[in-house]
Amino acid sequence: MSASLERGGARWSYAAAAGRSPVRRFEGRRALVTGAAQGIGRAVADALAREGADVVRVDVQGDAERCDVTDEAQVEALFRRVGRLDLAVNAAGVEGAIAKLPEAPVDDFDRVLDVNLRGVFLCLRGELAAGARSIVNVASVAGLTGWRGAAAYSASKHGVVGLTRTAALEVARTGARVNAVCPGVTRTAMYERMLARNPALAERTVAANPARRVAEVEEVAAPVLWLLSDEASFVNGVALPVDGGLTAQ
C-alpha cells in the first residue's frame, strides 16, 4: 500500500519518495511515535508500519497508547511499559493562540511550551534510556525563523531544534543519532483549525510559499523515515527544512 498524490500533472508516490524496496527498511525494529493519532505523527506511524517496524503509537486521543507527554510520571510509566526501542519520532504538538506579543495570553504560552518543548524533552530522555538509536523530532520552519503572531509556537519549535542539536552531540560517540524535521505549513487538523479561525490564511500561506501550495503529511513522513533509516547513518543534529523552499527565500 502506498500513498500517492497528484502534483502538477505528475503522480507523486510515497513509496518512491521514501525509497521503498522489496526488503523493508525497518523489519525487526521497534519504534515509538508520539502524536500518532492524526496528522504528521499518524502518517509517520503508518509509514513505519508499512516498512516493517513494530510501532508503538502514543497520543492523548484515539486508539493509541494513552500518554500526556507533559506529565513526567505518565511519560516514565510509558517507557516502563514499552521497554526497548530502536527508533522514535516526537510529533506531538499544539499550535496555540494567534496573537501579537502584547496580547498573547500567558497561560497559552505555558501550554504550548509544555506540549511542544517539555514534551519532547521528557520523551527524549525516555527514548535514549530505552536504547533508541535514531530519533527524529518534529519541529517547524517556525523553529528556524520568526513567525508573526505565534510567539509561543515559534519559541517552542526553536527550543526543539536546540534540544535536537544538544542531544545529537551528547550521543554522537555512541553511534546514536538525533535529528529534526522542520515542516512548512502542512495539511493537518491543526491547519484546518487555523483556517476555520481565519479563512484568508489559506491564500496567504500558498502565496508565501515558492511551491505555491502547502505540504501533505506524506511529504513530511518520507524524509522522517529517511532520517530514521540507516541510509542517513552519518546525518546527526540536523534541522531539515521540509518547506517547499520557504526558508530559502
C-alpha atoms as a PDB file:
ATOM      1  CA  MET A   1       0.000   0.000   0.000  1.00  0.00           C
ATOM      2  CA  SER A   2       1.400   3.402  -0.909  1.00  0.00           C
ATOM      3  CA  ALA A   3       0.042   6.916  -0.653  1.00  0.00           C
ATOM      4  CA  SER A   4       0.029   8.900  -3.887  1.00  0.00           C
ATOM      5  CA  LEU A   5      -0.871  12.486  -4.687  1.00  0.00           C
ATOM      6  CA  GLU A   6      -1.307  14.495  -7.856  1.00  0.00           C
ATOM      7  CA  ARG A   7       1.499  17.031  -8.255  1.00  0.00           C
ATOM      8  CA  GLY A   8       1.196  19.389 -11.226  1.00  0.00           C
ATOM      9  CA  GLY A   9       0.260  16.696 -13.718  1.00  0.00           C
ATOM     10  CA  ALA A  10       2.743  14.148 -12.357  1.00  0.00           C
ATOM     11  CA  ARG A  11       1.961  11.497  -9.793  1.00  0.00           C
ATOM     12  CA  TRP A  12       3.914  11.772  -6.530  1.00  0.00           C
ATOM     13  CA  SER A  13       4.251   8.390  -4.839  1.00  0.00           C
ATOM     14  CA  TYR A  14       5.051   7.893  -1.179  1.00  0.00           C
ATOM     15  CA  ALA A  15       6.660   4.555  -1.984  1.00  0.00           C
ATOM     16  CA  ALA A  16       9.030   6.126  -4.498  1.00  0.00           C
ATOM     17  CA  ALA A  17       9.783   9.168  -2.334  1.00  0.00           C
ATOM     18  CA  ALA A  18      10.557   7.029   0.694  1.00  0.00           C
ATOM     19  CA  GLY A  19      12.913   4.800  -1.291  1.00  0.00           C
ATOM     20  CA  ARG A  20      10.966   1.619  -0.579  1.00  0.00           C
ATOM     21  CA  SER A  21      12.295  -1.660  -1.880  1.00  0.00           C
ATOM     22  CA  PRO A  22      11.169  -5.285  -1.620  1.00  0.00           C
ATOM     23  CA  VAL A  23      13.299  -5.523   1.566  1.00  0.00           C
ATOM     24  CA  ARG A  24      11.549  -3.398   4.182  1.00  0.00           C
ATOM     25  CA  ARG A  25      13.949  -0.974   5.898  1.00  0.00           C
ATOM     26  CA  PHE A  26      12.627  -1.297   9.441  1.00  0.00           C
ATOM     27  CA  GLU A  27      11.913  -5.014   9.684  1.00  0.00           C
ATOM     28  CA  GLY A  28      12.531  -6.243  13.238  1.00  0.00           C
ATOM     29  CA  ARG A  29      12.842  -2.743  14.724  1.00  0.00           C
ATOM     30  CA  ARG A  30      10.644  -1.242  17.398  1.00  0.00           C
ATOM     31  CA  ALA A  31       9.556   2.381  17.004  1.00  0.00           C
ATOM     32  CA  LEU A  32       7.641   4.820  19.182  1.00  0.00           C
ATOM     33  CA  VAL A  33       5.734   7.746  17.668  1.00  0.00           C
ATOM     34  CA  THR A  34       4.085  10.468  19.767  1.00  0.00           C
ATOM     35  CA  GLY A  35       1.192  12.490  18.372  1.00  0.00           C
ATOM     36  CA  ALA A  36       0.329   9.379  16.357  1.00  0.00           C
ATOM     37  CA  ALA A  37      -3.464   9.758  16.326  1.00  0.00           C
ATOM     38  CA  GLN A  38      -3.505  12.273  13.481  1.00  0.00           C
ATOM     39  CA  GLY A  39      -1.517  14.490  11.156  1.00  0.00           C
ATOM     40  CA  ILE A  40       2.210  14.049  10.641  1.00  0.00           C
ATOM     41  CA  GLY A  41       2.520  11.647  13.573  1.00  0.00           C
ATOM     42  CA  ARG A  42      -0.087   9.309  12.136  1.00  0.00           C
ATOM     43  CA  ALA A  43       1.456   9.446   8.661  1.00  0.00           C
ATOM     44  CA  VAL A  44       4.870   8.581  10.126  1.00  0.00           C
ATOM     45  CA  ALA A  45       3.475   5.737  12.243  1.00  0.00           C
ATOM     46  CA  ASP A  46       1.602   4.293   9.258  1.00  0.00           C
ATOM     47  CA  ALA A  47       4.674   4.537   7.041  1.00  0.00           C
ATOM     48  CA  LEU A  48       6.905   2.855   9.627  1.00  0.00           C
ATOM     49  CA  ALA A  49       4.411   0.015   9.983  1.00  0.00           C
ATOM     50  CA  ARG A  50       4.302  -0.441   6.190  1.00  0.00           C
ATOM     51  CA  GLU A  51       8.067  -0.723   6.200  1.00  0.00           C
ATOM     52  CA  GLY A  52       8.113  -3.470   8.796  1.00  0.00           C
ATOM     53  CA  ALA A  53       8.514  -1.675  12.137  1.00  0.00           C
ATOM     54  CA  ASP A  54       6.689  -2.695  15.293  1.00  0.00           C
ATOM     55  CA  VAL A  55       5.140   0.701  16.080  1.00  0.00           C
ATOM     56  CA  VAL A  56       4.025   1.945  19.491  1.00  0.00           C
ATOM     57  CA  ARG A  57       1.551   4.752  18.769  1.00  0.00           C
ATOM     58  CA  VAL A  58       1.280   7.335  21.562  1.00  0.00           C
ATOM     59  CA  ASP A  59      -1.320  10.101  21.908  1.00  0.00           C
ATOM     60  CA  VAL A  60      -3.928  11.517  24.258  1.00  0.00           C
ATOM     61  CA  GLN A  61      -6.739  10.544  21.900  1.00  0.00           C
ATOM     62  CA  GLY A  62      -7.835   7.824  19.512  1.00  0.00           C
ATOM     63  CA  ASP A  63      -6.841   4.180  19.923  1.00  0.00           C
ATOM     64  CA  ALA A  64      -3.175   4.965  20.611  1.00  0.00           C
ATOM     65  CA  GLU A  65      -1.284   4.179  23.810  1.00  0.00           C
ATOM     66  CA  ARG A  66      -2.536   6.970  26.096  1.00  0.00           C
ATOM     67  CA  CYS A  67       0.076   9.358  27.493  1.00  0.00           C
ATOM     68  CA  ASP A  68       0.163  13.079  28.234  1.00  0.00           C
ATOM     69  CA  VAL A  69       3.714  13.944  27.171  1.00  0.00           C
ATOM     70  CA  THR A  70       3.773  16.949  29.510  1.00  0.00           C
ATOM     71  CA  ASP A  71       3.312  14.722  32.572  1.00  0.00           C
ATOM     72  CA  GLU A  72       6.629  13.341  33.844  1.00  0.00           C
ATOM     73  CA  ALA A  73       5.014  10.464  35.751  1.00  0.00           C
ATOM     74  CA  GLN A  74       2.949   9.391  32.728  1.00  0.00           C
ATOM     75  CA  VAL A  75       5.972   9.530  30.430  1.00  0.00           C
ATOM     76  CA  GLU A  76       8.082   7.483  32.831  1.00  0.00           C
ATOM     77  CA  ALA A  77       5.284   4.919  33.128  1.00  0.00           C
ATOM     78  CA  LEU A  78       5.007   4.782  29.333  1.00  0.00           C
ATOM     79  CA  PHE A  79       8.653   3.882  28.904  1.00  0.00           C
ATOM     80  CA  ARG A  80       8.477   1.266  31.629  1.00  0.00           C
ATOM     81  CA  ARG A  81       5.665  -0.389  29.659  1.00  0.00           C
ATOM     82  CA  VAL A  82       7.325  -0.002  26.277  1.00  0.00           C
ATOM     83  CA  GLY A  83      10.775  -1.343  27.146  1.00  0.00           C
ATOM     84  CA  ARG A  84      13.455  -1.484  24.463  1.00  0.00           C
ATOM     85  CA  LEU A  85      13.291   0.847  21.463  1.00  0.00           C
ATOM     86  CA  ASP A  86      15.234   1.182  18.225  1.00  0.00           C
ATOM     87  CA  LEU A  87      13.570   4.270  16.762  1.00  0.00           C
ATOM     88  CA  ALA A  88      11.474   7.197  17.956  1.00  0.00           C
ATOM     89  CA  VAL A  89       9.621  10.163  16.489  1.00  0.00           C
ATOM     90  CA  ASN A  90       8.365  13.022  18.658  1.00  0.00           C
ATOM     91  CA  ALA A  91       5.467  14.552  16.741  1.00  0.00           C
ATOM     92  CA  ALA A  92       3.039  15.584  19.500  1.00  0.00           C
ATOM     93  CA  GLY A  93       2.318  19.292  19.334  1.00  0.00           C
ATOM     94  CA  VAL A  94      -0.241  22.094  19.543  1.00  0.00           C
ATOM     95  CA  GLU A  95      -0.457  25.399  17.685  1.00  0.00           C
ATOM     96  CA  GLY A  96      -1.595  27.851  20.358  1.00  0.00           C
ATOM     97  CA  ALA A  97      -3.325  31.201  20.002  1.00  0.00           C
ATOM     98  CA  ILE A  98      -2.586  33.607  17.163  1.00  0.00           C
ATOM     99  CA  ALA A  99      -1.857  36.977  18.772  1.00  0.00           C
ATOM    100  CA  LYS A 100       0.875  39.593  18.763  1.00  0.00           C
ATOM    101  CA  LEU A 101       3.065  39.645  21.837  1.00  0.00           C
ATOM    102  CA  PRO A 102       1.290  42.404  23.810  1.00  0.00           C
ATOM    103  CA  GLU A 103      -1.981  40.445  23.591  1.00  0.00           C
ATOM    104  CA  ALA A 104      -0.567  36.917  23.794  1.00  0.00           C
ATOM    105  CA  PRO A 105      -2.141  35.001  26.723  1.00  0.00           C
ATOM    106  CA  VAL A 106       0.407  33.827  29.269  1.00  0.00           C
ATOM    107  CA  ASP A 107      -1.485  30.616  30.029  1.00  0.00           C
ATOM    108  CA  ASP A 108      -1.500  29.771  26.315  1.00  0.00           C
ATOM    109  CA  PHE A 109       2.257  30.370  26.133  1.00  0.00           C
ATOM    110  CA  ASP A 110       2.770  27.983  29.049  1.00  0.00           C
ATOM    111  CA  ARG A 111       0.542  25.315  27.479  1.00  0.00           C
ATOM    112  CA  VAL A 112       2.299  25.447  24.096  1.00  0.00           C
ATOM    113  CA  LEU A 113       5.764  25.274  25.679  1.00  0.00           C
ATOM    114  CA  ASP A 114       4.593  22.391  27.877  1.00  0.00           C
ATOM    115  CA  VAL A 115       3.419  20.233  24.987  1.00  0.00           C
ATOM    116  CA  ASN A 116       5.838  21.230  22.249  1.00  0.00           C
ATOM    117  CA  LEU A 117       9.057  21.568  24.244  1.00  0.00           C
ATOM    118  CA  ARG A 118       8.719  19.956  27.679  1.00  0.00           C
ATOM    119  CA  GLY A 119       7.005  17.004  25.997  1.00  0.00           C
ATOM    120  CA  VAL A 120       9.918  16.485  23.610  1.00  0.00           C
ATOM    121  CA  PHE A 121      12.408  16.861  26.473  1.00  0.00           C
ATOM    122  CA  LEU A 122      10.662  14.244  28.614  1.00  0.00           C
ATOM    123  CA  CYS A 123      10.229  11.819  25.729  1.00  0.00           C
ATOM    124  CA  LEU A 124      13.818  12.244  24.537  1.00  0.00           C
ATOM    125  CA  ARG A 125      15.066  11.239  27.980  1.00  0.00           C
ATOM    126  CA  GLY A 126      12.901   8.130  27.929  1.00  0.00           C
ATOM    127  CA  GLU A 127      13.777   7.210  24.349  1.00  0.00           C
ATOM    128  CA  LEU A 128      17.515   7.486  24.880  1.00  0.00           C
ATOM    129  CA  ALA A 129      17.288   5.473  28.116  1.00  0.00           C
ATOM    130  CA  ALA A 130      15.301   2.835  26.191  1.00  0.00           C
ATOM    131  CA  GLY A 131      18.168   2.462  23.729  1.00  0.00           C
ATOM    132  CA  ALA A 132      16.746   4.273  20.697  1.00  0.00           C
ATOM    133  CA  ARG A 133      19.492   4.639  18.101  1.00  0.00           C
ATOM    134  CA  SER A 134      17.720   7.035  15.765  1.00  0.00           C
ATOM    135  CA  ILE A 135      15.292   9.743  16.883  1.00  0.00           C
ATOM    136  CA  VAL A 136      13.532  12.431  14.865  1.00  0.00           C
ATOM    137  CA  ASN A 137      11.826  15.419  16.480  1.00  0.00           C
ATOM    138  CA  VAL A 138       9.143  17.240  14.526  1.00  0.00           C
ATOM    139  CA  ALA A 139       9.983  20.940  14.778  1.00  0.00           C
ATOM    140  CA  SER A 140       8.801  23.519  12.211  1.00  0.00           C
ATOM    141  CA  VAL A 141      10.011  26.256   9.909  1.00  0.00           C
ATOM    142  CA  ALA A 142       8.799  28.416  12.812  1.00  0.00           C
ATOM    143  CA  GLY A 143      11.773  26.944  14.689  1.00  0.00           C
ATOM    144  CA  LEU A 144      14.141  28.359  12.063  1.00  0.00           C
ATOM    145  CA  THR A 145      12.576  31.785  11.531  1.00  0.00           C
ATOM    146  CA  GLY A 146      10.345  34.213  13.360  1.00  0.00           C
ATOM    147  CA  TRP A 147       6.599  33.738  12.964  1.00  0.00           C
ATOM    148  CA  ARG A 148       4.415  36.823  13.395  1.00  0.00           C
ATOM    149  CA  GLY A 149       1.551  36.269  15.795  1.00  0.00           C
ATOM    150  CA  ALA A 150       2.848  32.908  17.017  1.00  0.00           C
ATOM    151  CA  ALA A 151       5.413  33.736  19.681  1.00  0.00           C
ATOM    152  CA  ALA A 152       4.715  30.666  21.807  1.00  0.00           C
ATOM    153  CA  TYR A 153       4.718  28.254  18.870  1.00  0.00           C
ATOM    154  CA  SER A 154       7.881  29.721  17.352  1.00  0.00           C
ATOM    155  CA  ALA A 155       9.677  29.775  20.708  1.00  0.00           C
ATOM    156  CA  SER A 156       8.722  26.159  21.375  1.00  0.00           C
ATOM    157  CA  LYS A 157       9.947  24.977  17.988  1.00  0.00           C
ATOM    158  CA  HIS A 158      13.212  26.906  18.298  1.00  0.00           C
ATOM    159  CA  GLY A 159      13.585  25.051  21.584  1.00  0.00           C
ATOM    160  CA  VAL A 160      13.013  21.705  19.854  1.00  0.00           C
ATOM    161  CA  VAL A 161      15.802  22.498  17.388  1.00  0.00           C
ATOM    162  CA  GLY A 162      18.114  23.367  20.291  1.00  0.00           C
ATOM    163  CA  LEU A 163      17.242  20.172  22.147  1.00  0.00           C
ATOM    164  CA  THR A 164      17.842  18.170  18.986  1.00  0.00           C
ATOM    165  CA  ARG A 165      21.324  19.594  18.461  1.00  0.00           C
ATOM    166  CA  THR A 166      22.292  19.166  22.103  1.00  0.00           C
ATOM    167  CA  ALA A 167      21.074  15.557  22.225  1.00  0.00           C
ATOM    168  CA  ALA A 168      22.858  14.794  18.946  1.00  0.00           C
ATOM    169  CA  LEU A 169      26.177  15.992  20.349  1.00  0.00           C
ATOM    170  CA  GLU A 170      25.726  14.052  23.565  1.00  0.00           C
ATOM    171  CA  VAL A 171      25.082  10.713  21.839  1.00  0.00           C
ATOM    172  CA  ALA A 172      27.287  11.068  18.751  1.00  0.00           C
ATOM    173  CA  ARG A 173      30.132   8.884  20.045  1.00  0.00           C
ATOM    174  CA  THR A 174      27.693   6.073  20.862  1.00  0.00           C
ATOM    175  CA  GLY A 175      26.530   5.819  17.258  1.00  0.00           C
ATOM    176  CA  ALA A 176      23.030   7.027  18.094  1.00  0.00           C
ATOM    177  CA  ARG A 177      21.562   9.940  16.133  1.00  0.00           C
ATOM    178  CA  VAL A 178      19.014  12.694  16.876  1.00  0.00           C
ATOM    179  CA  ASN A 179      17.669  14.868  14.082  1.00  0.00           C
ATOM    180  CA  ALA A 180      14.702  17.144  13.425  1.00  0.00           C
ATOM    181  CA  VAL A 181      12.450  17.936  10.513  1.00  0.00           C
ATOM    182  CA  CYS A 182      11.101  21.462  10.115  1.00  0.00           C
ATOM    183  CA  PRO A 183       7.941  21.283   8.015  1.00  0.00           C
ATOM    184  CA  GLY A 184       6.338  24.252   6.396  1.00  0.00           C
ATOM    185  CA  VAL A 185       2.566  24.586   6.602  1.00  0.00           C
ATOM    186  CA  THR A 186       1.142  21.084   6.198  1.00  0.00           C
ATOM    187  CA  ARG A 187      -2.417  19.929   5.585  1.00  0.00           C
ATOM    188  CA  THR A 188      -3.322  18.634   9.055  1.00  0.00           C
ATOM    189  CA  ALA A 189      -6.139  19.054  11.571  1.00  0.00           C
ATOM    190  CA  MET A 190      -4.068  21.852  13.116  1.00  0.00           C
ATOM    191  CA  TYR A 191      -4.002  23.680   9.765  1.00  0.00           C
ATOM    192  CA  GLU A 192      -7.751  23.176   9.319  1.00  0.00           C
ATOM    193  CA  ARG A 193      -8.401  24.655  12.778  1.00  0.00           C
ATOM    194  CA  MET A 194      -6.338  27.702  11.859  1.00  0.00           C
ATOM    195  CA  LEU A 195      -8.274  28.100   8.593  1.00  0.00           C
ATOM    196  CA  ALA A 196     -11.558  27.874  10.468  1.00  0.00           C
ATOM    197  CA  ARG A 197     -10.481  30.839  12.604  1.00  0.00           C
ATOM    198  CA  ASN A 198      -9.015  32.771   9.680  1.00  0.00           C
ATOM    199  CA  PRO A 199     -10.123  31.600   6.182  1.00  0.00           C
ATOM    200  CA  ALA A 200      -7.897  34.188   4.464  1.00  0.00           C
ATOM    201  CA  LEU A 201      -4.877  32.332   5.821  1.00  0.00           C
ATOM    202  CA  ALA A 202      -5.097  29.710   3.049  1.00  0.00           C
ATOM    203  CA  GLU A 203      -4.469  32.202   0.243  1.00  0.00           C
ATOM    204  CA  ARG A 204      -1.674  33.976   2.145  1.00  0.00           C
ATOM    205  CA  THR A 205       0.040  30.699   3.009  1.00  0.00           C
ATOM    206  CA  VAL A 206       0.040  29.487  -0.582  1.00  0.00           C
ATOM    207  CA  ALA A 207       1.196  32.864  -1.916  1.00  0.00           C
ATOM    208  CA  ALA A 208       4.116  32.970   0.544  1.00  0.00           C
ATOM    209  CA  ASN A 209       5.499  29.579  -0.480  1.00  0.00           C
ATOM    210  CA  PRO A 210       7.679  29.241  -3.605  1.00  0.00           C
ATOM    211  CA  ALA A 211       5.887  25.958  -4.390  1.00  0.00           C
ATOM    212  CA  ARG A 212       2.535  27.780  -4.207  1.00  0.00           C
ATOM    213  CA  ARG A 213       0.933  25.083  -2.081  1.00  0.00           C
ATOM    214  CA  VAL A 214       1.057  23.504   1.359  1.00  0.00           C
ATOM    215  CA  ALA A 215       2.628  20.137   2.132  1.00  0.00           C
ATOM    216  CA  GLU A 216       0.787  16.856   2.504  1.00  0.00           C
ATOM    217  CA  VAL A 217       1.567  14.759   5.569  1.00  0.00           C
ATOM    218  CA  GLU A 218       3.114  12.006   3.430  1.00  0.00           C
ATOM    219  CA  GLU A 219       5.652  14.507   2.118  1.00  0.00           C
ATOM    220  CA  VAL A 220       6.853  15.099   5.671  1.00  0.00           C
ATOM    221  CA  ALA A 221       6.743  11.425   6.635  1.00  0.00           C
ATOM    222  CA  ALA A 222       9.088  10.431   3.804  1.00  0.00           C
ATOM    223  CA  PRO A 223      12.108  12.485   4.977  1.00  0.00           C
ATOM    224  CA  VAL A 224      11.395  11.474   8.581  1.00  0.00           C
ATOM    225  CA  LEU A 225      11.753   7.833   7.581  1.00  0.00           C
ATOM    226  CA  TRP A 226      14.952   8.594   5.686  1.00  0.00           C
ATOM    227  CA  LEU A 227      16.436  10.291   8.744  1.00  0.00           C
ATOM    228  CA  LEU A 228      15.460   7.289  10.877  1.00  0.00           C
ATOM    229  CA  SER A 229      16.963   4.822   8.439  1.00  0.00           C
ATOM    230  CA  ASP A 230      20.499   3.503   8.041  1.00  0.00           C
ATOM    231  CA  GLU A 231      20.646   5.453   4.774  1.00  0.00           C
ATOM    232  CA  ALA A 232      21.169   8.568   6.951  1.00  0.00           C
ATOM    233  CA  SER A 233      23.781   6.910   9.165  1.00  0.00           C
ATOM    234  CA  PHE A 234      26.141   9.933   9.096  1.00  0.00           C
ATOM    235  CA  VAL A 235      23.413  12.560   9.486  1.00  0.00           C
ATOM    236  CA  ASN A 236      23.201  13.820  13.053  1.00  0.00           C
ATOM    237  CA  GLY A 237      21.985  17.042  14.654  1.00  0.00           C
ATOM    238  CA  VAL A 238      20.333  18.482  11.545  1.00  0.00           C
ATOM    239  CA  ALA A 239      17.157  20.563  11.434  1.00  0.00           C
ATOM    240  CA  LEU A 240      15.944  19.653   7.960  1.00  0.00           C
ATOM    241  CA  PRO A 241      13.516  22.110   6.312  1.00  0.00           C
ATOM    242  CA  VAL A 242      10.655  20.357   4.502  1.00  0.00           C
ATOM    243  CA  ASP A 243       9.020  23.520   3.287  1.00  0.00           C
ATOM    244  CA  GLY A 244       8.863  23.834  -0.488  1.00  0.00           C
ATOM    245  CA  GLY A 245      11.706  26.368  -0.442  1.00  0.00           C
ATOM    246  CA  LEU A 246      10.131  28.752   2.080  1.00  0.00           C
ATOM    247  CA  THR A 247      13.279  29.216   4.185  1.00  0.00           C
ATOM    248  CA  ALA A 248      15.439  29.539   1.055  1.00  0.00           C
ATOM    249  CA  GLN A 249      13.937  32.963   0.315  1.00  0.00           C
END
